[in-house]
């Protein structure tokens, strides 16, 4: 048994503790590389190599690799799934898997991870704008720790959208807020800039993607578009401000 591996299921939960009853803090997507830090019976304490996020996963959902195989996967040129969900074929048993946006896939039509081979027949495009990518996820429900079309949290939504356009982002909103250049005025906003919001304790707890100086797409209940001004997000359906604005940042790759 090695201490490294790659996710070969479409998506698996990353939990706070080694129990199915423990809350999901994030998710690991197909193709993401993982380091195993601790083994506890049927559970593994792991680190997502891409963003450093830590948590517990069930051992039987994980594919261990020898270090040489792991290094080969990490080093190979990969593409990021840009559509909300796509099918790929497991060549070993000729069954289909549905892979979510943000997953990592290699090769033009086929690739191998460990002892498993996969086929796909779709092309990738990295030319779409951040705002265009974000809009394809409209109405996706909110899910604490979620990173896929079946459920996002606010920072998982941002992380996945930016990964699709080739920009690596940390997992949590307060970490994302440490990146980029401050945009001083909403009138200077460009589509794709990020707006961050704080709670009553002045901690950054929410993030969204600006579509214009007055509109923001974010995940709150679901992925939705709301109004924004210097005070924060104004939810028209609720008739009130829901998230006080802290700072606007421009992230460049």
Protein backbone atom coordinates (compact mmCIF):
# COMPACT_ATOMS: atom_id res chain seq x y z
CA UNK A 1 0.00 0.00 0.00
CA UNK A 2 1.38 3.37 -1.00
CA UNK A 3 0.75 6.73 0.60
CA UNK A 4 -0.53 8.44 -2.54
CA UNK A 5 -3.42 7.97 -4.90
CA UNK A 6 -5.90 9.46 -7.34
CA UNK A 7 -9.68 9.73 -7.21
CA UNK A 8 -11.22 7.37 -9.78
CA UNK A 9 -14.85 7.80 -8.77
CA UNK A 10 -16.83 10.75 -10.06
CA UNK A 11 -16.91 12.54 -6.70
CA UNK A 12 -16.45 11.46 -3.10
CA UNK A 13 -17.11 13.31 0.17
CA UNK A 14 -14.24 14.68 2.24
CA UNK A 15 -15.40 14.53 5.86
CA UNK A 16 -14.36 16.33 9.02
CA UNK A 17 -14.05 13.07 10.98
CA UNK A 18 -13.74 9.36 10.20
CA UNK A 19 -17.48 8.65 10.17
CA UNK A 20 -20.33 8.71 7.67
CA UNK A 21 -22.20 10.82 10.22
CA UNK A 22 -19.51 13.51 10.15
CA UNK A 23 -20.15 16.63 8.11
CA UNK A 24 -18.76 16.93 4.59
CA UNK A 25 -16.22 19.75 4.49
CA UNK A 26 -15.37 19.43 0.79
CA UNK A 27 -15.34 16.94 -2.07
CA UNK A 28 -12.69 15.18 -4.12
CA UNK A 29 -13.36 15.02 -7.85
CA UNK A 30 -12.32 12.46 -10.42
CA UNK A 31 -8.63 12.74 -11.29
CA UNK A 32 -7.61 14.77 -8.24
CA UNK A 33 -4.33 13.66 -6.67
CA UNK A 34 -4.29 12.87 -2.96
CA UNK A 35 -1.68 12.19 -0.28
CA UNK A 36 -2.63 9.77 2.50
CA UNK A 37 -1.54 11.09 5.88
CA UNK A 38 -3.14 8.56 8.22
CA UNK A 39 -4.93 5.20 8.03
CA UNK A 40 -7.62 4.42 10.61
CA UNK A 41 -9.36 1.10 9.96
CA UNK A 42 -11.71 1.75 7.02
CA UNK A 43 -10.88 5.46 6.78
CA UNK A 44 -8.04 7.55 5.38
CA UNK A 45 -7.00 11.02 6.48
CA UNK A 46 -5.88 12.71 3.25
CA UNK A 47 -4.69 15.94 1.71
CA UNK A 48 -5.89 17.19 -1.67
CA UNK A 49 -2.63 18.01 -3.47
CA UNK A 50 -4.29 20.77 -5.52
CA UNK A 51 -5.52 22.97 -2.66
CA UNK A 52 -4.07 21.42 0.50
CA UNK A 53 -7.51 20.67 1.96
CA UNK A 54 -7.59 17.97 4.64
CA UNK A 55 -10.25 15.46 5.61
CA UNK A 56 -11.35 11.86 5.91
CA UNK A 57 -12.46 9.57 3.09
CA UNK A 58 -13.62 5.97 3.04
CA UNK A 59 -10.74 3.67 2.07
CA UNK A 60 -12.79 1.55 -0.35
CA UNK A 61 -13.53 4.66 -2.45
CA UNK A 62 -9.83 5.34 -3.00
CA UNK A 63 -7.30 4.11 -5.58
CA UNK A 64 -3.81 3.68 -4.12
CA UNK A 65 -0.89 4.16 -6.51
CA UNK A 66 2.78 3.43 -6.29
CA UNK A 67 4.82 6.63 -6.07
CA UNK A 68 6.05 6.27 -9.66
CA UNK A 69 2.48 5.89 -10.95
CA UNK A 70 1.34 8.82 -8.83
CA UNK A 71 4.15 11.05 -10.08
CA UNK A 72 3.31 10.08 -13.66
CA UNK A 73 -0.33 11.12 -13.20
CA UNK A 74 0.61 14.38 -11.48
CA UNK A 75 3.08 15.22 -14.24
CA UNK A 76 0.93 14.36 -17.24
CA UNK A 77 -0.84 17.17 -19.08
CA UNK A 78 -4.49 17.19 -18.07
CA UNK A 79 -7.67 18.93 -19.17
CA UNK A 80 -10.44 20.10 -16.86
CA UNK A 81 -14.02 19.08 -17.58
CA UNK A 82 -15.83 22.31 -18.45
CA UNK A 83 -19.39 21.10 -19.02
CA UNK A 84 -21.60 20.50 -15.95
CA UNK A 85 -21.36 16.73 -16.42
CA UNK A 86 -19.96 14.38 -19.08
CA UNK A 87 -19.79 10.59 -19.59
CA UNK A 88 -16.57 8.62 -19.77
CA UNK A 89 -16.16 4.86 -20.20
CA UNK A 90 -14.29 2.56 -17.85
CA UNK A 91 -12.48 0.40 -20.39
CA UNK A 92 -11.88 -2.38 -17.85
CA UNK A 93 -15.56 -3.33 -17.63
CA UNK A 94 -17.07 -1.17 -20.43
CA UNK A 95 -19.32 0.76 -18.06
CA UNK A 96 -20.06 4.48 -18.11
CA UNK A 97 -19.23 7.02 -15.41
CA UNK A 98 -20.64 10.54 -15.17
CA UNK A 99 -17.85 13.02 -14.46
CA UNK A 100 -18.58 16.53 -13.11
CA UNK A 101 -17.15 19.88 -14.14
CA UNK A 102 -13.81 20.48 -12.45
CA UNK A 103 -12.65 16.87 -12.81
CA UNK A 104 -9.22 16.15 -14.31
CA UNK A 105 -8.93 14.05 -17.48
CA UNK A 106 -5.84 13.26 -19.58
CA UNK A 107 -5.25 12.34 -23.20
CA UNK A 108 -7.17 13.16 -26.34
CA UNK A 109 -9.44 10.13 -26.12
CA UNK A 110 -8.02 7.74 -23.51
CA UNK A 111 -5.89 7.66 -20.37
CA UNK A 112 -4.89 5.33 -17.56
CA UNK A 113 -4.83 5.71 -13.79
CA UNK A 114 -3.12 2.76 -12.11
CA UNK A 115 -4.79 -0.39 -13.38
CA UNK A 116 -7.86 1.41 -14.73
CA UNK A 117 -8.24 2.71 -18.29
CA UNK A 118 -10.77 5.29 -19.42
CA UNK A 119 -12.17 6.46 -22.76
CA UNK A 120 -13.86 9.73 -23.68
CA UNK A 121 -14.95 11.36 -26.92
CA UNK A 122 -15.42 15.03 -26.15
CA UNK A 123 -13.17 18.06 -26.69
CA UNK A 124 -12.12 20.74 -24.26
CA UNK A 125 -12.25 24.50 -24.57
CA UNK A 126 -10.48 26.99 -22.32
CA UNK A 127 -11.54 30.08 -24.26
CA UNK A 128 -14.82 30.72 -22.44
CA UNK A 129 -15.05 33.66 -20.05
CA UNK A 130 -15.40 33.21 -16.28
CA UNK A 131 -18.88 34.73 -16.36
CA UNK A 132 -19.99 32.37 -19.15
CA UNK A 133 -18.76 29.33 -17.23
CA UNK A 134 -20.47 30.54 -14.05
CA UNK A 135 -23.83 31.07 -15.77
CA UNK A 136 -24.06 27.43 -16.87
CA UNK A 137 -24.47 26.48 -13.19
CA UNK A 138 -27.56 28.61 -12.57
CA UNK A 139 -30.00 27.02 -10.09
CA UNK A 140 -27.54 24.40 -8.80
CA UNK A 141 -28.57 23.88 -5.14
CA UNK A 142 -26.48 24.90 -2.16
CA UNK A 143 -24.59 22.06 -0.49
CA UNK A 144 -22.17 22.59 2.39
CA UNK A 145 -18.78 21.36 1.13
CA UNK A 146 -20.10 20.90 -2.43
CA UNK A 147 -17.99 21.36 -5.57
CA UNK A 148 -20.21 19.95 -8.36
CA UNK A 149 -23.33 20.54 -10.44
CA UNK A 150 -25.25 18.47 -7.86
CA UNK A 151 -24.49 21.01 -5.14
CA UNK A 152 -22.07 23.86 -4.43
CA UNK A 153 -21.17 25.95 -1.45
CA UNK A 154 -20.17 29.54 -2.24
CA UNK A 155 -16.40 28.99 -2.38
CA UNK A 156 -16.71 25.58 -4.03
CA UNK A 157 -18.64 27.26 -6.84
CA UNK A 158 -15.88 29.84 -7.28
CA UNK A 159 -13.08 27.27 -7.05
CA UNK A 160 -14.66 25.03 -9.71
CA UNK A 161 -15.43 27.88 -12.12
CA UNK A 162 -11.91 29.28 -11.87
CA UNK A 163 -10.33 25.83 -12.23
CA UNK A 164 -12.18 25.40 -15.54
CA UNK A 165 -10.54 28.56 -16.91
CA UNK A 166 -7.12 27.48 -15.64
CA UNK A 167 -6.85 29.43 -12.39
CA UNK A 168 -6.09 27.45 -9.23
CA UNK A 169 -7.92 28.78 -6.17
CA UNK A 170 -7.86 27.85 -2.48
CA UNK A 171 -10.92 26.07 -1.12
CA UNK A 172 -12.43 28.55 1.38
CA UNK A 173 -13.69 32.10 0.84
CA UNK A 174 -11.36 33.68 3.40
CA UNK A 175 -8.39 32.01 1.67
CA UNK A 176 -9.55 33.16 -1.76
CA UNK A 177 -9.82 36.72 -0.44
CA UNK A 178 -6.07 36.77 0.18
CA UNK A 179 -5.39 36.57 -3.57
CA UNK A 180 -5.54 39.17 -6.31
CA UNK A 181 -5.64 42.95 -6.50
CA UNK A 182 -8.19 45.13 -4.74
CA UNK A 183 -10.76 46.86 -6.94
CA UNK A 184 -11.52 50.10 -5.12
CA UNK A 185 -14.89 50.95 -6.66
CA UNK A 186 -17.74 48.84 -8.02
CA UNK A 187 -17.83 51.12 -11.07
CA UNK A 188 -14.38 49.72 -11.97
CA UNK A 189 -15.52 46.08 -11.80
CA UNK A 190 -14.85 43.74 -14.70
CA UNK A 191 -16.84 40.52 -15.28
CA UNK A 192 -15.11 37.73 -13.37
CA UNK A 193 -13.95 39.85 -10.44
CA UNK A 194 -14.71 38.38 -7.02
CA UNK A 195 -16.69 40.05 -4.25
CA UNK A 196 -16.20 38.93 -0.65
CA UNK A 197 -18.60 39.41 2.24
CA UNK A 198 -18.31 39.27 6.01
CA UNK A 199 -20.50 38.20 8.92
CA UNK A 200 -21.27 39.97 12.20
CA UNK A 201 -17.86 38.96 13.57
CA UNK A 202 -16.16 40.62 10.56
CA UNK A 203 -14.99 37.24 9.21
CA UNK A 204 -15.16 36.64 5.46
CA UNK A 205 -17.73 33.91 4.99
CA UNK A 206 -19.13 34.40 1.48
CA UNK A 207 -17.89 34.98 -2.06
CA UNK A 208 -19.45 35.53 -5.48
CA UNK A 209 -18.50 36.29 -9.07
CA UNK A 210 -19.34 39.74 -10.39
CA UNK A 211 -21.07 39.91 -13.76
CA UNK A 212 -21.15 43.72 -13.80
CA UNK A 213 -20.91 46.60 -11.32
CA UNK A 214 -24.51 45.88 -10.26
CA UNK A 215 -24.97 42.11 -10.69
CA UNK A 216 -23.40 39.13 -8.95
CA UNK A 217 -23.73 35.37 -9.42
CA UNK A 218 -23.21 33.39 -6.22
CA UNK A 219 -24.39 30.29 -4.39
CA UNK A 220 -26.82 31.15 -1.61
CA UNK A 221 -29.64 28.63 -1.40
CA UNK A 222 -28.79 27.97 -5.03
CA UNK A 223 -26.61 29.51 -7.70
CA UNK A 224 -28.46 32.74 -8.45
CA UNK A 225 -28.00 36.28 -9.73
CA UNK A 226 -28.63 39.15 -7.33
CA UNK A 227 -28.14 42.88 -7.22
CA UNK A 228 -25.04 44.32 -5.56
CA UNK A 229 -24.03 47.82 -4.45
CA UNK A 230 -21.55 49.33 -2.01
CA UNK A 231 -23.53 47.92 0.94
CA UNK A 232 -23.59 44.37 -0.33
CA UNK A 233 -25.92 41.85 -1.95
CA UNK A 234 -29.57 42.85 -2.17
CA UNK A 235 -31.93 39.90 -2.56
CA UNK A 236 -34.96 41.21 -4.45
CA UNK A 237 -37.18 38.25 -3.56
CA UNK A 238 -36.48 38.75 0.15
CA UNK A 239 -36.49 42.54 -0.13
CA UNK A 240 -33.36 42.98 1.98
CA UNK A 241 -29.57 42.98 2.04
CA UNK A 242 -28.23 39.52 2.85
CA UNK A 243 -24.42 39.81 2.68
CA UNK A 244 -22.41 42.93 3.68
CA UNK A 245 -19.66 43.74 1.17
CA UNK A 246 -16.10 43.53 2.46
CA UNK A 247 -13.81 43.76 -0.58
CA UNK A 248 -13.66 43.20 -4.33
CA UNK A 249 -10.64 41.43 -5.82
CA UNK A 250 -9.40 40.85 -9.38
CA UNK A 251 -7.72 37.47 -9.85
CA UNK A 252 -5.30 36.95 -12.72
CA UNK A 253 -3.87 33.62 -13.84
